[in-house]
């Protein structure tokens, strides 16, 4: 809420999260190294460069659940 993103920034943030969900860093040890949302937002994580290419089609269950929650939240009722 502090960031109060407009539609364009929100789209950028979500796209960055979706790319990160398939990165080796986020999948390592069952998602143990996925940043806490408040930490990621405070550090402006959407501005970070991806250090490694994403792993196609591989997402931890925790990440998949969180992505579903974000998509549900964004969808109008």
N, C-alpha and C. Protein backbone atom coordinates (compact mmCIF):
# COMPACT_ATOMS: atom_id res chain seq x y z
N UNK A 1 0.83 -1.19 0.00
CA UNK A 1 0.00 0.00 0.00
C UNK A 1 0.88 1.25 0.00
N UNK A 2 2.07 1.18 0.62
CA UNK A 2 2.95 2.34 0.61
C UNK A 2 3.44 2.68 -0.79
N UNK A 3 3.63 1.65 -1.60
CA UNK A 3 4.14 1.87 -2.94
C UNK A 3 3.04 2.44 -3.83
N UNK A 4 1.81 2.00 -3.65
CA UNK A 4 0.65 2.46 -4.40
C UNK A 4 0.92 2.45 -5.90
N UNK A 5 1.17 1.26 -6.47
CA UNK A 5 1.55 1.19 -7.89
C UNK A 5 0.38 1.52 -8.81
N UNK A 6 0.72 2.18 -9.92
CA UNK A 6 -0.28 2.36 -10.96
C UNK A 6 -0.38 1.05 -11.74
N UNK A 7 -1.26 0.99 -12.72
CA UNK A 7 -1.47 -0.26 -13.47
C UNK A 7 -0.19 -0.73 -14.16
N UNK A 8 0.59 0.19 -14.71
CA UNK A 8 1.81 -0.19 -15.42
C UNK A 8 2.85 -0.77 -14.46
N UNK A 9 3.05 -0.13 -13.32
CA UNK A 9 4.01 -0.65 -12.35
C UNK A 9 3.54 -2.00 -11.80
N UNK A 10 2.27 -2.13 -11.52
CA UNK A 10 1.74 -3.40 -11.03
C UNK A 10 1.97 -4.51 -12.05
N UNK A 11 1.75 -4.21 -13.32
CA UNK A 11 1.99 -5.20 -14.38
C UNK A 11 3.46 -5.59 -14.42
N UNK A 12 4.35 -4.62 -14.26
CA UNK A 12 5.79 -4.89 -14.25
C UNK A 12 6.15 -5.77 -13.06
N UNK A 13 5.61 -5.45 -11.90
CA UNK A 13 5.89 -6.23 -10.69
C UNK A 13 5.44 -7.68 -10.86
N UNK A 14 4.23 -7.86 -11.36
CA UNK A 14 3.70 -9.21 -11.52
C UNK A 14 4.49 -9.99 -12.56
N UNK A 15 4.85 -9.33 -13.67
CA UNK A 15 5.64 -10.00 -14.69
C UNK A 15 7.00 -10.42 -14.14
N UNK A 16 7.60 -9.58 -13.32
CA UNK A 16 8.89 -9.92 -12.71
C UNK A 16 8.75 -11.10 -11.77
N UNK A 17 7.70 -11.12 -10.98
CA UNK A 17 7.46 -12.25 -10.07
C UNK A 17 7.24 -13.53 -10.87
N UNK A 18 6.47 -13.45 -11.93
CA UNK A 18 6.21 -14.64 -12.74
C UNK A 18 7.50 -15.18 -13.36
N UNK A 19 8.38 -14.29 -13.83
CA UNK A 19 9.68 -14.76 -14.35
C UNK A 19 10.52 -15.37 -13.24
N UNK A 20 10.52 -14.74 -12.08
CA UNK A 20 11.34 -15.22 -10.97
C UNK A 20 10.88 -16.58 -10.46
N UNK A 21 9.60 -16.89 -10.60
CA UNK A 21 9.08 -18.15 -10.08
C UNK A 21 9.70 -19.37 -10.73
N UNK A 22 10.27 -19.19 -11.90
CA UNK A 22 10.90 -20.31 -12.58
C UNK A 22 12.42 -20.24 -12.54
N UNK A 23 12.96 -19.31 -11.75
CA UNK A 23 14.41 -19.18 -11.66
C UNK A 23 14.98 -20.23 -10.71
N UNK A 24 16.20 -20.61 -10.98
CA UNK A 24 16.87 -21.61 -10.13
C UNK A 24 16.95 -21.13 -8.69
N UNK A 25 17.20 -19.84 -8.51
CA UNK A 25 17.32 -19.28 -7.16
C UNK A 25 16.03 -19.47 -6.35
N UNK A 26 14.88 -19.26 -6.97
CA UNK A 26 13.61 -19.40 -6.27
C UNK A 26 13.21 -20.85 -6.08
N UNK A 27 13.70 -21.74 -6.91
CA UNK A 27 13.34 -23.15 -6.81
C UNK A 27 14.27 -23.95 -5.91
N UNK A 28 15.42 -23.38 -5.62
CA UNK A 28 16.42 -24.08 -4.81
C UNK A 28 15.85 -24.49 -3.45
N UNK A 29 16.09 -25.72 -3.08
CA UNK A 29 15.68 -26.28 -1.79
C UNK A 29 14.20 -26.03 -1.49
N UNK A 30 13.36 -26.30 -2.48
CA UNK A 30 11.91 -26.19 -2.29
C UNK A 30 11.41 -24.79 -2.04
N UNK A 31 12.10 -23.79 -2.54
CA UNK A 31 11.66 -22.41 -2.37
C UNK A 31 12.16 -21.76 -1.11
N UNK A 32 13.17 -22.33 -0.49
CA UNK A 32 13.70 -21.81 0.77
C UNK A 32 14.23 -20.38 0.64
N UNK A 33 14.67 -20.00 -0.56
CA UNK A 33 15.30 -18.69 -0.74
C UNK A 33 14.42 -17.68 -1.46
N UNK A 34 13.13 -17.94 -1.52
CA UNK A 34 12.20 -16.95 -2.07
C UNK A 34 12.11 -15.81 -1.05
N UNK A 35 12.30 -14.56 -1.50
CA UNK A 35 12.24 -13.46 -0.54
C UNK A 35 10.85 -13.26 0.03
N UNK A 36 10.80 -12.77 1.26
CA UNK A 36 9.52 -12.41 1.86
C UNK A 36 8.93 -11.26 1.05
N UNK A 37 7.61 -11.27 0.84
CA UNK A 37 7.01 -10.21 0.02
C UNK A 37 7.35 -8.79 0.50
N UNK A 38 7.27 -8.53 1.80
CA UNK A 38 7.56 -7.18 2.29
C UNK A 38 9.01 -6.80 2.03
N UNK A 39 9.91 -7.76 2.16
CA UNK A 39 11.32 -7.50 1.88
C UNK A 39 11.52 -7.20 0.41
N UNK A 40 10.91 -8.01 -0.45
CA UNK A 40 11.04 -7.83 -1.89
C UNK A 40 10.48 -6.48 -2.32
N UNK A 41 9.31 -6.11 -1.77
CA UNK A 41 8.71 -4.82 -2.11
C UNK A 41 9.57 -3.66 -1.61
N UNK A 42 10.04 -3.76 -0.37
CA UNK A 42 10.86 -2.70 0.21
C UNK A 42 12.17 -2.50 -0.54
N UNK A 43 12.71 -3.58 -1.08
CA UNK A 43 13.97 -3.51 -1.82
C UNK A 43 13.74 -3.22 -3.30
N UNK A 44 12.48 -2.99 -3.68
CA UNK A 44 12.12 -2.73 -5.08
C UNK A 44 12.62 -3.85 -5.98
N UNK A 45 12.30 -5.08 -5.58
CA UNK A 45 12.78 -6.27 -6.25
C UNK A 45 12.43 -6.36 -7.72
N UNK A 46 11.37 -5.70 -8.13
CA UNK A 46 11.00 -5.73 -9.54
C UNK A 46 12.05 -5.02 -10.41
N UNK A 47 12.94 -4.23 -9.79
CA UNK A 47 13.98 -3.54 -10.54
C UNK A 47 15.26 -4.37 -10.66
N UNK A 48 15.33 -5.48 -9.92
CA UNK A 48 16.51 -6.34 -9.97
C UNK A 48 16.61 -7.04 -11.31
N UNK A 49 17.83 -7.26 -11.74
CA UNK A 49 18.04 -8.04 -12.95
C UNK A 49 18.05 -9.52 -12.58
N UNK A 50 17.52 -10.32 -13.47
CA UNK A 50 17.57 -11.77 -13.27
C UNK A 50 19.01 -12.21 -13.49
N UNK A 51 19.55 -12.98 -12.55
CA UNK A 51 20.94 -13.41 -12.66
C UNK A 51 21.10 -14.67 -13.47
N UNK A 52 20.05 -15.43 -13.61
CA UNK A 52 20.12 -16.68 -14.38
C UNK A 52 18.85 -16.82 -15.19
N UNK A 53 18.92 -17.49 -16.33
CA UNK A 53 17.70 -17.68 -17.11
C UNK A 53 16.71 -18.56 -16.36
N UNK A 54 15.42 -18.35 -16.59
CA UNK A 54 14.42 -19.17 -15.90
C UNK A 54 14.47 -20.63 -16.36
N UNK A 55 14.04 -21.50 -15.48
CA UNK A 55 13.93 -22.92 -15.81
C UNK A 55 12.52 -23.15 -16.31
N UNK A 56 12.39 -23.55 -17.54
CA UNK A 56 11.08 -23.69 -18.17
C UNK A 56 10.15 -24.64 -17.44
N UNK A 57 8.97 -24.13 -17.07
CA UNK A 57 7.90 -24.96 -16.55
C UNK A 57 8.09 -25.54 -15.17
N UNK A 58 9.11 -25.13 -14.42
CA UNK A 58 9.36 -25.70 -13.11
C UNK A 58 9.08 -24.64 -12.05
N UNK A 59 8.09 -24.90 -11.22
CA UNK A 59 7.71 -23.95 -10.18
C UNK A 59 7.40 -24.73 -8.92
N UNK A 60 7.87 -24.23 -7.77
CA UNK A 60 7.56 -24.92 -6.51
C UNK A 60 6.07 -24.77 -6.21
N UNK A 61 5.54 -25.66 -5.41
CA UNK A 61 4.11 -25.61 -5.05
C UNK A 61 3.78 -24.34 -4.29
N UNK A 62 4.68 -23.89 -3.42
CA UNK A 62 4.46 -22.65 -2.67
C UNK A 62 4.34 -21.48 -3.64
N UNK A 63 5.23 -21.42 -4.59
CA UNK A 63 5.21 -20.34 -5.57
C UNK A 63 3.95 -20.40 -6.42
N UNK A 64 3.56 -21.58 -6.86
CA UNK A 64 2.35 -21.74 -7.66
C UNK A 64 1.13 -21.26 -6.87
N UNK A 65 1.06 -21.60 -5.60
CA UNK A 65 -0.06 -21.17 -4.75
C UNK A 65 -0.07 -19.65 -4.61
N UNK A 66 1.11 -19.05 -4.42
CA UNK A 66 1.18 -17.60 -4.28
C UNK A 66 0.80 -16.89 -5.57
N UNK A 67 1.21 -17.44 -6.70
CA UNK A 67 0.83 -16.86 -7.99
C UNK A 67 -0.68 -16.92 -8.20
N UNK A 68 -1.29 -18.04 -7.82
CA UNK A 68 -2.75 -18.13 -7.93
C UNK A 68 -3.43 -17.07 -7.08
N UNK A 69 -2.89 -16.84 -5.89
CA UNK A 69 -3.47 -15.83 -5.00
C UNK A 69 -3.35 -14.43 -5.61
N UNK A 70 -2.21 -14.14 -6.23
CA UNK A 70 -2.02 -12.84 -6.87
C UNK A 70 -2.98 -12.69 -8.04
N UNK A 71 -3.10 -13.72 -8.86
CA UNK A 71 -4.01 -13.66 -10.01
C UNK A 71 -5.45 -13.49 -9.55
N UNK A 72 -5.85 -14.20 -8.49
CA UNK A 72 -7.21 -14.07 -7.97
C UNK A 72 -7.46 -12.67 -7.44
N UNK A 73 -6.46 -12.11 -6.78
CA UNK A 73 -6.58 -10.77 -6.21
C UNK A 73 -6.73 -9.73 -7.30
N UNK A 74 -6.03 -9.91 -8.41
CA UNK A 74 -6.08 -8.97 -9.52
C UNK A 74 -7.36 -9.08 -10.33
N UNK A 75 -7.98 -10.24 -10.34
CA UNK A 75 -9.18 -10.47 -11.15
C UNK A 75 -10.37 -9.75 -10.54
N UNK A 76 -11.09 -9.00 -11.37
CA UNK A 76 -12.28 -8.34 -10.83
C UNK A 76 -13.36 -9.34 -10.46
N UNK A 77 -14.13 -9.04 -9.42
CA UNK A 77 -15.18 -9.98 -8.98
C UNK A 77 -16.28 -10.16 -9.99
